Amino acid sequence: MARGFTLIELLVVMVIIATLLSIAAPRYLRGVDDARESALKANLSTLREAIDQYHADHGKYPQALTDLVDKNYLRSVPVDPLTESDQTWQTVPPADDAEAASVYDVHSGAVGLSRLGEPYANW
């Protein structure tokens, strides 16, 4: 009686493992994308709340996101989870020209579309 596995048995096991991976991998990657999008929404909300509080306290908008850190509205500028950098935020100035160099709103600097097909730059 021979000990060990035959080639057929090994191939069957490899097919089973490949099938399980083909089911699990897309679900895992979708979960990672969902987590990044949730973190982006939370970071945008944090930044926007800090900008609004700065405006309420000072009567003007900050000149840069780092002003929010300097004035202790934030401990640090959050990282954009899609670009993995805190330097890629796209700042939007107010509509009036009086404060054209200041930060009224902020968007992600990430290129691409969300799972719902909306550009990240529009969030």
C-alpha atoms as a PDB file:
ATOM      1  CA  MET A   1       0.000   0.000   0.000  1.00  0.00           C
ATOM      2  CA  ALA A   2       1.557   3.286  -1.151  1.00  0.00           C
ATOM      3  CA  ARG A   3       1.624   6.313   1.096  1.00  0.00           C
ATOM      4  CA  GLY A   4       1.126   9.871  -0.103  1.00  0.00           C
ATOM      5  CA  PHE A   5      -1.203  11.712  -2.410  1.00  0.00           C
ATOM      6  CA  THR A   6      -1.792  11.074  -6.056  1.00  0.00           C
ATOM      7  CA  LEU A   7      -1.599  13.825  -8.630  1.00  0.00           C
ATOM      8  CA  ILE A   8      -5.379  13.737  -9.061  1.00  0.00           C
ATOM      9  CA  GLU A   9      -5.952  14.250  -5.329  1.00  0.00           C
ATOM     10  CA  LEU A  10      -3.601  17.237  -5.288  1.00  0.00           C
ATOM     11  CA  LEU A  11      -5.311  18.770  -8.327  1.00  0.00           C
ATOM     12  CA  VAL A  12      -8.752  18.351  -6.735  1.00  0.00           C
ATOM     13  CA  VAL A  13      -7.562  20.105  -3.573  1.00  0.00           C
ATOM     14  CA  MET A  14      -6.041  22.929  -5.633  1.00  0.00           C
ATOM     15  CA  VAL A  15      -9.320  23.386  -7.549  1.00  0.00           C
ATOM     16  CA  ILE A  16     -11.261  23.561  -4.283  1.00  0.00           C
ATOM     17  CA  ILE A  17      -8.859  26.155  -2.856  1.00  0.00           C
ATOM     18  CA  ALA A  18      -9.004  28.215  -6.064  1.00  0.00           C
ATOM     19  CA  THR A  19     -12.809  28.152  -5.986  1.00  0.00           C
ATOM     20  CA  LEU A  20     -12.890  29.339  -2.377  1.00  0.00           C
ATOM     21  CA  LEU A  21     -10.421  32.133  -3.157  1.00  0.00           C
ATOM     22  CA  SER A  22     -12.447  33.267  -6.160  1.00  0.00           C
ATOM     23  CA  ILE A  23     -15.422  33.715  -3.835  1.00  0.00           C
ATOM     24  CA  ALA A  24     -13.591  35.293  -0.891  1.00  0.00           C
ATOM     25  CA  ALA A  25     -11.197  37.705  -2.642  1.00  0.00           C
ATOM     26  CA  PRO A  26     -13.818  39.978  -4.285  1.00  0.00           C
ATOM     27  CA  ARG A  27     -15.750  40.216  -1.035  1.00  0.00           C
ATOM     28  CA  TYR A  28     -12.602  41.161   0.843  1.00  0.00           C
ATOM     29  CA  LEU A  29     -11.622  43.799  -1.717  1.00  0.00           C
ATOM     30  CA  ARG A  30     -15.154  45.248  -1.693  1.00  0.00           C
ATOM     31  CA  GLY A  31     -14.930  45.499   2.087  1.00  0.00           C
ATOM     32  CA  VAL A  32     -11.614  47.344   1.837  1.00  0.00           C
ATOM     33  CA  ASP A  33     -13.119  49.814  -0.651  1.00  0.00           C
ATOM     34  CA  ASP A  34     -16.153  50.335   1.596  1.00  0.00           C
ATOM     35  CA  ALA A  35     -13.884  51.036   4.568  1.00  0.00           C
ATOM     36  CA  ARG A  36     -11.854  53.602   2.610  1.00  0.00           C
ATOM     37  CA  GLU A  37     -15.005  55.366   1.424  1.00  0.00           C
ATOM     38  CA  SER A  38     -16.392  55.438   4.973  1.00  0.00           C
ATOM     39  CA  ALA A  39     -13.117  56.875   6.270  1.00  0.00           C
ATOM     40  CA  LEU A  40     -13.171  59.497   3.499  1.00  0.00           C
ATOM     41  CA  LYS A  41     -16.707  60.560   4.460  1.00  0.00           C
ATOM     42  CA  ALA A  42     -15.690  60.825   8.119  1.00  0.00           C
ATOM     43  CA  ASN A  43     -12.528  62.825   7.343  1.00  0.00           C
ATOM     44  CA  LEU A  44     -14.424  65.213   5.064  1.00  0.00           C
ATOM     45  CA  SER A  45     -17.024  65.727   7.775  1.00  0.00           C
ATOM     46  CA  THR A  46     -14.308  66.433  10.364  1.00  0.00           C
ATOM     47  CA  LEU A  47     -12.593  68.959   8.090  1.00  0.00           C
ATOM     48  CA  ARG A  48     -15.848  70.716   7.190  1.00  0.00           C
ATOM     49  CA  GLU A  49     -16.924  70.976  10.818  1.00  0.00           C
ATOM     50  CA  ALA A  50     -13.535  72.471  11.736  1.00  0.00           C
ATOM     51  CA  ILE A  51     -13.752  74.976   8.850  1.00  0.00           C
ATOM     52  CA  ASP A  52     -17.257  76.018   9.940  1.00  0.00           C
ATOM     53  CA  GLN A  53     -16.174  76.390  13.578  1.00  0.00           C
ATOM     54  CA  TYR A  54     -13.151  78.462  12.529  1.00  0.00           C
ATOM     55  CA  HIS A  55     -15.435  80.722  10.480  1.00  0.00           C
ATOM     56  CA  ALA A  56     -17.866  81.084  13.381  1.00  0.00           C
ATOM     57  CA  ASP A  57     -15.066  82.023  15.795  1.00  0.00           C
ATOM     58  CA  HIS A  58     -13.013  84.317  13.539  1.00  0.00           C
ATOM     59  CA  GLY A  59     -15.560  85.700  11.069  1.00  0.00           C
ATOM     60  CA  LYS A  60     -13.422  84.534   8.157  1.00  0.00           C
ATOM     61  CA  TYR A  61     -12.342  81.279   6.599  1.00  0.00           C
ATOM     62  CA  PRO A  62      -8.876  79.789   7.175  1.00  0.00           C
ATOM     63  CA  GLN A  63      -6.187  80.531   4.593  1.00  0.00           C
ATOM     64  CA  ALA A  64      -5.082  76.878   4.549  1.00  0.00           C
ATOM     65  CA  LEU A  65      -5.971  73.600   6.233  1.00  0.00           C
ATOM     66  CA  THR A  66      -2.865  73.926   8.384  1.00  0.00           C
ATOM     67  CA  ASP A  67      -4.461  77.004  10.009  1.00  0.00           C
ATOM     68  CA  LEU A  68      -6.989  74.623  11.563  1.00  0.00           C
ATOM     69  CA  VAL A  69      -4.121  72.762  13.213  1.00  0.00           C
ATOM     70  CA  ASP A  70      -2.276  75.937  14.241  1.00  0.00           C
ATOM     71  CA  LYS A  71      -5.419  77.305  15.951  1.00  0.00           C
ATOM     72  CA  ASN A  72      -6.166  73.914  17.599  1.00  0.00           C
ATOM     73  CA  TYR A  73      -9.341  73.115  15.677  1.00  0.00           C
ATOM     74  CA  LEU A  74      -7.684  69.866  14.581  1.00  0.00           C
ATOM     75  CA  ARG A  75      -4.792  67.885  16.044  1.00  0.00           C
ATOM     76  CA  SER A  76      -3.565  67.196  12.525  1.00  0.00           C
ATOM     77  CA  VAL A  77      -4.887  67.408   9.000  1.00  0.00           C
ATOM     78  CA  PRO A  78      -6.584  64.066   8.342  1.00  0.00           C
ATOM     79  CA  VAL A  79      -5.173  61.742   5.725  1.00  0.00           C
ATOM     80  CA  ASP A  80      -7.204  61.202   2.572  1.00  0.00           C
ATOM     81  CA  PRO A  81      -7.644  57.409   2.784  1.00  0.00           C
ATOM     82  CA  LEU A  82      -7.786  57.050  -0.990  1.00  0.00           C
ATOM     83  CA  THR A  83      -4.552  58.907  -1.746  1.00  0.00           C
ATOM     84  CA  GLU A  84      -2.980  58.049   1.635  1.00  0.00           C
ATOM     85  CA  SER A  85      -1.722  61.617   2.001  1.00  0.00           C
ATOM     86  CA  ASP A  86      -2.760  64.711   3.931  1.00  0.00           C
ATOM     87  CA  GLN A  87      -1.424  66.942   1.136  1.00  0.00           C
ATOM     88  CA  THR A  88      -3.884  65.984  -1.610  1.00  0.00           C
ATOM     89  CA  TRP A  89      -7.045  67.644  -0.296  1.00  0.00           C
ATOM     90  CA  GLN A  90      -8.574  69.993  -2.872  1.00  0.00           C
ATOM     91  CA  THR A  91      -9.621  73.242  -1.218  1.00  0.00           C
ATOM     92  CA  VAL A  92     -12.514  75.349  -2.504  1.00  0.00           C
ATOM     93  CA  PRO A  93     -12.542  79.125  -1.924  1.00  0.00           C
ATOM     94  CA  PRO A  94     -15.743  80.976  -0.995  1.00  0.00           C
ATOM     95  CA  ALA A  95     -17.903  82.341  -3.818  1.00  0.00           C
ATOM     96  CA  ASP A  96     -17.244  85.990  -2.940  1.00  0.00           C
ATOM     97  CA  ASP A  97     -13.930  87.509  -4.009  1.00  0.00           C
ATOM     98  CA  ALA A  98     -13.249  89.069  -0.599  1.00  0.00           C
ATOM     99  CA  GLU A  99     -11.799  85.809   0.713  1.00  0.00           C
ATOM    100  CA  ALA A 100     -10.656  84.230  -2.558  1.00  0.00           C
ATOM    101  CA  ALA A 101      -7.469  82.808  -1.018  1.00  0.00           C
ATOM    102  CA  SER A 102      -9.213  81.089   1.878  1.00  0.00           C
ATOM    103  CA  VAL A 103     -10.705  77.617   2.398  1.00  0.00           C
ATOM    104  CA  TYR A 104     -14.505  77.419   2.263  1.00  0.00           C
ATOM    105  CA  ASP A 105     -14.828  73.712   1.498  1.00  0.00           C
ATOM    106  CA  VAL A 106     -12.643  70.689   0.851  1.00  0.00           C
ATOM    107  CA  HIS A 107     -12.834  67.685  -1.476  1.00  0.00           C
ATOM    108  CA  SER A 108     -10.795  64.539  -1.934  1.00  0.00           C
ATOM    109  CA  GLY A 109      -7.889  64.745  -4.329  1.00  0.00           C
ATOM    110  CA  ALA A 110      -8.412  61.122  -5.347  1.00  0.00           C
ATOM    111  CA  VAL A 111      -8.900  60.279  -8.992  1.00  0.00           C
ATOM    112  CA  GLY A 112     -11.623  57.795  -9.791  1.00  0.00           C
ATOM    113  CA  LEU A 113     -15.190  56.900  -9.000  1.00  0.00           C
ATOM    114  CA  SER A 114     -16.878  55.616  -5.883  1.00  0.00           C
ATOM    115  CA  ARG A 115     -18.734  52.326  -5.870  1.00  0.00           C
ATOM    116  CA  LEU A 116     -21.861  54.311  -6.768  1.00  0.00           C
ATOM    117  CA  GLY A 117     -20.166  55.863  -9.805  1.00  0.00           C
ATOM    118  CA  GLU A 118     -19.716  59.368  -8.379  1.00  0.00           C
ATOM    119  CA  PRO A 119     -16.283  61.029  -8.688  1.00  0.00           C
ATOM    120  CA  TYR A 120     -14.471  61.272  -5.352  1.00  0.00           C
ATOM    121  CA  ALA A 121     -13.631  64.882  -6.193  1.00  0.00           C
ATOM    122  CA  ASN A 122     -17.355  65.732  -5.879  1.00  0.00           C
ATOM    123  CA  TRP A 123     -17.735  64.426  -2.331  1.00  0.00           C
END
